[in-house]
């Protein structure tokens, strides 16, 4: 099997692959890659594609690799490595100097052998309905510029186009303090769970309040390791599901801002 560009007509089969593996992406998530980045796939005619890999660019220097998926019956046949080699080569050719991804523990060892190095870690948490706390209000259109500035500051690159697209699908929440937007969160729909992220907050109470607002019926969030409010989450019966490591090839990523509580997701950064 060989890699070939994913056709729009095959998007439902790409989503079928991610659902088979247990990931949370919707068809709209997959469309982000085909419309704003690139997706390569191996197609053996089955209802689920055999393998995929996707790339996105965040400005001229920073690029992202995601959706490195292989159908379980075809693993350990070199498909993931072939996809990664294509992704790295194509992004280098396009001028990217920092190529990043979020790795599972198994993937991390593969990527380390390709030259990727660790940046920092986070974990996917399953979060039950939390006690509602005062402070959050629904995000409005006039809030969006300040929210996008928070993301650029704490993520380290401009991805306003992506967050604006996410906001057309789901509302966000903000907390004001001192006449400014001090904390904010976006919500995401998913095939298995509702998801909160990215989430930016300077204090643990703000983070707790925004998680409760964004996930009224429970869901998931990809939370940076070592945060002070994680014991509170565990006391509310939240639990970590899967660890990830943010990794980079080439120039280091911009320093992550201290108020970055939850990431958008491993596929997007």
Protein backbone atom coordinates (compact mmCIF):
# COMPACT_ATOMS: atom_id res chain seq x y z
CA UNK A 1 0.00 0.00 0.00
CA UNK A 2 1.13 3.53 -0.69
CA UNK A 3 0.26 6.92 0.68
CA UNK A 4 -1.92 9.16 -1.45
CA UNK A 5 -3.73 12.45 -0.81
CA UNK A 6 -7.04 11.92 0.94
CA UNK A 7 -9.96 12.76 -1.31
CA UNK A 8 -12.95 14.62 0.17
CA UNK A 9 -15.16 11.65 -0.66
CA UNK A 10 -13.05 9.46 1.64
CA UNK A 11 -13.44 11.72 4.68
CA UNK A 12 -16.18 9.54 6.23
CA UNK A 13 -13.84 6.55 6.04
CA UNK A 14 -11.08 8.56 7.74
CA UNK A 15 -13.52 9.37 10.52
CA UNK A 16 -14.48 5.69 10.64
CA UNK A 17 -10.80 4.85 11.25
CA UNK A 18 -10.42 7.33 14.11
CA UNK A 19 -13.69 6.11 15.64
CA UNK A 20 -12.58 2.48 15.34
CA UNK A 21 -9.40 3.29 17.25
CA UNK A 22 -11.40 5.09 19.94
CA UNK A 23 -10.55 8.72 19.19
CA UNK A 24 -13.02 11.58 19.45
CA UNK A 25 -12.71 13.42 16.12
CA UNK A 26 -15.80 14.46 14.19
CA UNK A 27 -16.12 14.82 10.43
CA UNK A 28 -15.74 18.58 10.92
CA UNK A 29 -12.37 18.00 12.62
CA UNK A 30 -11.16 15.95 9.66
CA UNK A 31 -12.32 18.70 7.28
CA UNK A 32 -9.96 21.16 9.01
CA UNK A 33 -7.02 19.13 7.75
CA UNK A 34 -8.26 18.72 4.19
CA UNK A 35 -9.21 22.41 3.87
CA UNK A 36 -6.31 24.05 5.73
CA UNK A 37 -3.52 21.46 5.73
CA UNK A 38 -2.80 18.13 4.09
CA UNK A 39 -3.89 14.55 4.73
CA UNK A 40 -2.31 11.43 3.28
CA UNK A 41 -3.91 8.01 3.53
CA UNK A 42 -3.45 4.36 2.70
CA UNK A 43 -6.63 2.88 1.23
CA UNK A 44 -7.11 -0.88 0.97
CA UNK A 45 -10.81 -0.69 0.17
CA UNK A 46 -12.08 -1.51 3.65
CA UNK A 47 -14.80 0.58 5.35
CA UNK A 48 -12.08 2.16 7.52
CA UNK A 49 -8.98 3.52 5.81
CA UNK A 50 -5.79 1.56 6.45
CA UNK A 51 -3.72 4.52 7.71
CA UNK A 52 -3.66 8.32 7.82
CA UNK A 53 -1.38 11.23 8.68
CA UNK A 54 -2.20 14.94 8.62
CA UNK A 55 -0.31 18.23 8.81
CA UNK A 56 -1.15 21.86 9.58
CA UNK A 57 0.88 25.07 9.52
CA UNK A 58 0.75 27.73 12.26
CA UNK A 59 2.59 30.59 10.62
CA UNK A 60 5.76 30.28 8.56
CA UNK A 61 7.91 28.42 11.09
CA UNK A 62 5.69 26.16 13.23
CA UNK A 63 3.95 23.08 11.85
CA UNK A 64 1.87 20.33 13.40
CA UNK A 65 1.56 16.60 12.70
CA UNK A 66 -1.58 14.78 13.77
CA UNK A 67 -3.89 11.86 13.02
CA UNK A 68 -1.05 9.34 12.71
CA UNK A 69 -3.44 6.38 12.69
CA UNK A 70 -3.12 2.78 11.55
CA UNK A 71 -5.96 0.27 11.55
CA UNK A 72 -5.29 -2.34 14.25
CA UNK A 73 -5.02 -5.27 11.81
CA UNK A 74 -2.23 -3.49 9.89
CA UNK A 75 -0.01 -2.26 12.69
CA UNK A 76 3.75 -2.94 12.81
CA UNK A 77 4.00 -2.99 9.03
CA UNK A 78 5.73 0.40 8.66
CA UNK A 79 2.66 2.43 7.72
CA UNK A 80 2.97 4.92 10.58
CA UNK A 81 6.66 5.47 9.91
CA UNK A 82 6.01 5.99 6.19
CA UNK A 83 3.37 8.57 7.07
CA UNK A 84 5.69 10.35 9.47
CA UNK A 85 8.52 10.42 6.94
CA UNK A 86 6.20 12.02 4.39
CA UNK A 87 4.96 14.58 6.94
CA UNK A 88 8.43 15.63 8.08
CA UNK A 89 9.80 15.84 4.54
CA UNK A 90 6.85 17.86 3.23
CA UNK A 91 6.93 20.30 6.15
CA UNK A 92 10.68 20.80 5.89
CA UNK A 93 10.26 21.45 2.17
CA UNK A 94 7.62 24.08 3.00
CA UNK A 95 10.07 25.89 5.31
CA UNK A 96 8.89 24.79 8.74
CA UNK A 97 11.68 25.00 11.31
CA UNK A 98 9.72 23.65 14.31
CA UNK A 99 7.66 20.51 13.69
CA UNK A 100 5.58 19.44 16.67
CA UNK A 101 3.20 16.67 17.68
CA UNK A 102 1.59 15.17 20.76
CA UNK A 103 2.69 11.57 21.30
CA UNK A 104 1.16 8.65 23.13
CA UNK A 105 3.65 6.55 25.13
CA UNK A 106 4.04 4.03 22.28
CA UNK A 107 4.41 6.73 19.64
CA UNK A 108 6.91 8.67 21.74
CA UNK A 109 9.57 5.99 21.37
CA UNK A 110 9.11 5.91 17.60
CA UNK A 111 9.32 9.69 17.31
CA UNK A 112 12.39 9.89 19.54
CA UNK A 113 14.20 7.62 17.09
CA UNK A 114 13.25 10.09 14.34
CA UNK A 115 14.89 12.96 16.24
CA UNK A 116 11.91 14.45 18.10
CA UNK A 117 12.59 15.64 21.65
CA UNK A 118 10.28 16.07 24.64
CA UNK A 119 8.86 19.48 25.49
CA UNK A 120 6.27 18.85 28.24
CA UNK A 121 3.47 16.50 29.18
CA UNK A 122 -0.28 16.45 29.61
CA UNK A 123 -2.98 13.86 30.12
CA UNK A 124 -6.48 13.30 28.85
CA UNK A 125 -8.88 13.38 31.80
CA UNK A 126 -12.39 11.97 32.00
CA UNK A 127 -14.39 14.56 33.90
CA UNK A 128 -17.82 13.95 35.47
CA UNK A 129 -20.33 16.78 35.94
CA UNK A 130 -18.65 19.23 38.34
CA UNK A 131 -20.15 21.61 40.90
CA UNK A 132 -21.06 24.82 39.13
CA UNK A 133 -18.99 27.75 40.39
CA UNK A 134 -19.54 31.50 40.00
CA UNK A 135 -17.67 33.58 37.46
CA UNK A 136 -18.03 32.18 33.94
CA UNK A 137 -20.34 33.73 31.37
CA UNK A 138 -20.93 32.77 27.72
CA UNK A 139 -18.35 34.16 25.31
CA UNK A 140 -19.61 36.92 23.00
CA UNK A 141 -18.33 38.13 19.64
CA UNK A 142 -16.72 41.13 21.31
CA UNK A 143 -14.72 38.80 23.57
CA UNK A 144 -13.13 36.89 20.71
CA UNK A 145 -10.16 39.21 19.96
CA UNK A 146 -9.04 39.03 23.61
CA UNK A 147 -9.48 35.25 23.64
CA UNK A 148 -7.43 34.88 20.47
CA UNK A 149 -4.72 37.04 22.04
CA UNK A 150 -4.67 34.71 25.06
CA UNK A 151 -4.12 31.74 22.79
CA UNK A 152 -1.35 33.42 20.78
CA UNK A 153 0.39 34.40 24.03
CA UNK A 154 0.20 31.00 25.70
CA UNK A 155 0.34 28.66 22.69
CA UNK A 156 3.15 30.64 21.08
CA UNK A 157 1.79 30.94 17.55
CA UNK A 158 -1.15 32.52 15.75
CA UNK A 159 -3.91 30.02 15.04
CA UNK A 160 -6.82 32.45 15.13
CA UNK A 161 -8.31 30.90 11.99
CA UNK A 162 -8.60 27.53 13.74
CA UNK A 163 -10.16 28.83 16.96
CA UNK A 164 -12.64 30.98 15.02
CA UNK A 165 -13.66 27.87 13.13
CA UNK A 166 -14.12 25.98 16.40
CA UNK A 167 -16.27 28.79 17.78
CA UNK A 168 -18.71 28.43 14.87
CA UNK A 169 -19.42 24.91 16.15
CA UNK A 170 -19.60 25.41 19.92
CA UNK A 171 -19.79 28.32 22.35
CA UNK A 172 -17.02 29.34 24.68
CA UNK A 173 -16.95 30.73 28.21
CA UNK A 174 -14.97 33.60 29.75
CA UNK A 175 -14.24 35.06 33.18
CA UNK A 176 -13.64 38.77 33.57
CA UNK A 177 -11.44 40.27 36.27
CA UNK A 178 -10.09 43.78 36.57
CA UNK A 179 -11.87 44.90 33.42
CA UNK A 180 -10.29 42.27 31.17
CA UNK A 181 -10.77 38.67 30.04
CA UNK A 182 -8.73 36.82 32.66
CA UNK A 183 -9.68 33.26 31.72
CA UNK A 184 -11.46 31.49 28.87
CA UNK A 185 -12.31 28.07 27.49
CA UNK A 186 -13.63 26.69 24.22
CA UNK A 187 -15.90 23.69 23.91
CA UNK A 188 -15.71 20.95 21.30
CA UNK A 189 -18.19 18.36 20.17
CA UNK A 190 -16.91 14.84 19.62
CA UNK A 191 -17.98 11.40 18.50
CA UNK A 192 -17.61 9.98 22.03
CA UNK A 193 -17.37 12.89 24.49
CA UNK A 194 -17.82 16.61 24.72
CA UNK A 195 -14.38 18.20 25.16
CA UNK A 196 -13.14 21.36 26.88
CA UNK A 197 -10.10 23.12 25.50
CA UNK A 198 -8.09 25.09 24.99
CA UNK A 199 -8.47 26.55 28.47
CA UNK A 200 -6.47 29.51 29.72
CA UNK A 201 -6.63 30.54 33.38
CA UNK A 202 -4.24 32.29 35.75
CA UNK A 203 -5.76 30.76 38.91
CA UNK A 204 -6.99 27.33 39.94
CA UNK A 205 -10.50 28.60 40.88
CA UNK A 206 -10.92 30.09 37.41
CA UNK A 207 -9.83 26.81 35.79
CA UNK A 208 -12.24 24.82 37.95
CA UNK A 209 -15.14 27.15 37.20
CA UNK A 210 -14.53 27.07 33.45
CA UNK A 211 -14.30 23.28 33.32
CA UNK A 212 -17.62 23.03 35.16
CA UNK A 213 -19.23 25.52 32.77
CA UNK A 214 -17.87 23.94 29.59
CA UNK A 215 -18.72 20.35 30.58
CA UNK A 216 -22.10 20.54 32.36
CA UNK A 217 -22.79 16.88 31.61
CA UNK A 218 -19.18 15.74 31.89
CA UNK A 219 -16.68 14.96 29.16
CA UNK A 220 -12.93 15.15 28.60
CA UNK A 221 -10.12 17.68 28.74
CA UNK A 222 -6.42 17.43 27.88
CA UNK A 223 -4.84 19.00 30.98
CA UNK A 224 -1.20 19.97 31.47
CA UNK A 225 0.60 17.93 34.09
CA UNK A 226 1.37 19.22 37.57
CA UNK A 227 -1.42 21.77 37.99
CA UNK A 228 -2.54 22.65 41.50
CA UNK A 229 -6.23 21.89 40.94
CA UNK A 230 -5.76 18.29 39.73
CA UNK A 231 -6.22 16.83 43.26
CA UNK A 232 -9.53 18.71 43.43
CA UNK A 233 -10.57 17.08 40.16
CA UNK A 234 -9.69 13.64 41.51
CA UNK A 235 -11.76 14.34 44.62
CA UNK A 236 -14.67 15.05 42.27
CA UNK A 237 -14.09 11.58 40.71
CA UNK A 238 -12.32 12.79 37.59
CA UNK A 239 -9.57 10.45 36.39
CA UNK A 240 -6.66 10.54 33.94
CA UNK A 241 -7.20 8.32 30.90
CA UNK A 242 -4.06 8.58 28.77
CA UNK A 243 -0.75 10.50 28.98
CA UNK A 244 0.75 12.49 26.11
CA UNK A 245 4.11 14.14 25.51
CA UNK A 246 4.46 17.25 23.37
CA UNK A 247 7.49 16.74 21.16
CA UNK A 248 9.34 18.86 18.62
CA UNK A 249 11.76 18.31 15.76
CA UNK A 250 14.07 21.19 14.89
CA UNK A 251 13.96 24.53 16.65
CA UNK A 252 12.34 24.54 20.11
CA UNK A 253 8.73 25.63 20.32
CA UNK A 254 8.00 29.03 21.86
CA UNK A 255 7.73 28.73 25.66
CA UNK A 256 4.24 27.65 26.69
CA UNK A 257 2.46 30.29 28.73
CA UNK A 258 1.81 29.52 32.42
CA UNK A 259 -1.93 30.09 32.01
CA UNK A 260 -2.29 27.30 29.43
CA UNK A 261 -4.36 24.79 31.43
CA UNK A 262 -5.80 22.55 28.69
CA UNK A 263 -4.75 22.10 25.08
CA UNK A 264 -7.10 22.03 22.10
CA UNK A 265 -6.27 18.37 21.43
CA UNK A 266 -3.38 16.18 20.27
CA UNK A 267 -4.43 16.54 16.65
CA UNK A 268 -4.28 20.35 16.77
CA UNK A 269 -1.89 21.23 19.59
